C-alpha atoms as a PDB file:
ATOM      1  CA  UNK A   1      -0.201   0.191   0.510  1.00  0.00           C
ATOM      2  CA  UNK A   2       2.589   2.228   0.048  1.00  0.00           C
ATOM      3  CA  UNK A   3       4.009   1.825  -2.665  1.00  0.00           C
ATOM      4  CA  UNK A   4       0.264   3.622  -3.279  1.00  0.00           C
ATOM      5  CA  UNK A   5       0.938   6.537  -1.693  1.00  0.00           C
ATOM      6  CA  UNK A   6       1.344   9.378  -3.284  1.00  0.00           C
ATOM      7  CA  UNK A   7       3.894  11.944  -2.036  1.00  0.00           C
ATOM      8  CA  UNK A   8       3.311  14.575  -2.848  1.00  0.00           C
ATOM      9  CA  UNK A   9      -1.198  15.117  -2.225  1.00  0.00           C
ATOM     10  CA  UNK A  10      -1.901  12.735  -0.257  1.00  0.00           C
ATOM     11  CA  UNK A  11      -3.603   9.420  -0.899  1.00  0.00           C
ATOM     12  CA  UNK A  12      -3.442   6.587  -2.763  1.00  0.00           C
ATOM     13  CA  UNK A  13      -2.953   6.135  -6.639  1.00  0.00           C
ATOM     14  CA  UNK A  14      -2.628   9.338  -9.135  1.00  0.00           C
ATOM     15  CA  UNK A  15      -5.536  11.338 -10.919  1.00  0.00           C
ATOM     16  CA  UNK A  16      -8.438  11.356 -10.244  1.00  0.00           C
ATOM     17  CA  UNK A  17      -7.028  10.963  -6.532  1.00  0.00           C
ATOM     18  CA  UNK A  18      -9.958  10.170  -4.890  1.00  0.00           C
ATOM     19  CA  UNK A  19     -10.134   9.433  -0.655  1.00  0.00           C
ATOM     20  CA  UNK A  20     -10.313   5.733  -0.183  1.00  0.00           C
ATOM     21  CA  UNK A  21     -11.689   5.200   3.579  1.00  0.00           C
ATOM     22  CA  UNK A  22     -10.968   1.982   2.820  1.00  0.00           C
ATOM     23  CA  UNK A  23      -7.612   1.956   3.099  1.00  0.00           C
ATOM     24  CA  UNK A  24      -7.504   4.879   5.243  1.00  0.00           C
ATOM     25  CA  UNK A  25      -9.209   2.566   7.725  1.00  0.00           C
ATOM     26  CA  UNK A  26      -6.714  -0.360   7.177  1.00  0.00           C
ATOM     27  CA  UNK A  27      -3.752   2.023   7.937  1.00  0.00           C
ATOM     28  CA  UNK A  28      -5.269   3.167  11.547  1.00  0.00           C
ATOM     29  CA  UNK A  29      -5.743  -0.828  11.972  1.00  0.00           C
ATOM     30  CA  UNK A  30      -2.412  -1.246  11.699  1.00  0.00           C
ATOM     31  CA  UNK A  31      -1.472   1.972  13.593  1.00  0.00           C
ATOM     32  CA  UNK A  32      -3.607   0.796  15.749  1.00  0.00           C
ATOM     33  CA  UNK A  33      -1.833  -3.009  16.169  1.00  0.00           C
ATOM     34  CA  UNK A  34       1.638  -1.939  16.080  1.00  0.00           C
ATOM     35  CA  UNK A  35       2.541   2.330  17.884  1.00  0.00           C
ATOM     36  CA  UNK A  36       1.710   4.249  19.945  1.00  0.00           C
ATOM     37  CA  UNK A  37       1.357   8.133  19.500  1.00  0.00           C
ATOM     38  CA  UNK A  38       5.251   8.255  20.985  1.00  0.00           C
ATOM     39  CA  UNK A  39       6.633   6.357  18.108  1.00  0.00           C
ATOM     40  CA  UNK A  40       4.076   7.391  15.489  1.00  0.00           C
ATOM     41  CA  UNK A  41       3.708   4.371  11.968  1.00  0.00           C
ATOM     42  CA  UNK A  42       4.914   5.246   8.459  1.00  0.00           C
ATOM     43  CA  UNK A  43       0.244   3.872   8.446  1.00  0.00           C
ATOM     44  CA  UNK A  44      -0.282   6.827  10.653  1.00  0.00           C
ATOM     45  CA  UNK A  45       1.723   9.297   8.235  1.00  0.00           C
ATOM     46  CA  UNK A  46      -0.046   8.381   5.670  1.00  0.00           C
ATOM     47  CA  UNK A  47      -3.283   9.267   6.824  1.00  0.00           C
ATOM     48  CA  UNK A  48      -2.609  11.698   8.851  1.00  0.00           C
ATOM     49  CA  UNK A  49      -0.538  13.804   5.809  1.00  0.00           C
ATOM     50  CA  UNK A  50      -3.391  12.433   3.002  1.00  0.00           C
ATOM     51  CA  UNK A  51      -6.119  13.784   5.919  1.00  0.00           C
ATOM     52  CA  UNK A  52      -4.586  17.321   5.987  1.00  0.00           C
ATOM     53  CA  UNK A  53      -4.306  17.869   2.211  1.00  0.00           C
ATOM     54  CA  UNK A  54      -8.590  16.298   2.084  1.00  0.00           C
ATOM     55  CA  UNK A  55      -8.296  19.215   4.210  1.00  0.00           C
ATOM     56  CA  UNK A  56      -6.345  22.309   2.987  1.00  0.00           C
ATOM     57  CA  UNK A  57      -7.815  21.060  -0.870  1.00  0.00           C
ATOM     58  CA  UNK A  58     -11.002  20.443  -0.331  1.00  0.00           C
ATOM     59  CA  UNK A  59     -13.551  17.868  -2.535  1.00  0.00           C
ATOM     60  CA  UNK A  60     -14.675  19.283  -6.257  1.00  0.00           C
ATOM     61  CA  UNK A  61     -18.033  16.798  -7.198  1.00  0.00           C
END
């Protein structure tokens, strides 16, 4: 899943870059199983970056 992550815009895949809630949920579940706020996992960072980018850019559909 990390290979599909769009490190420039957040989310997964290329344009059109639609949110994939099932992938974000998977990342959060992975984080809950393996990390905590002191040792943030890559899965948690992917979700945070994606949500921040969504908040700044909006969804136009």
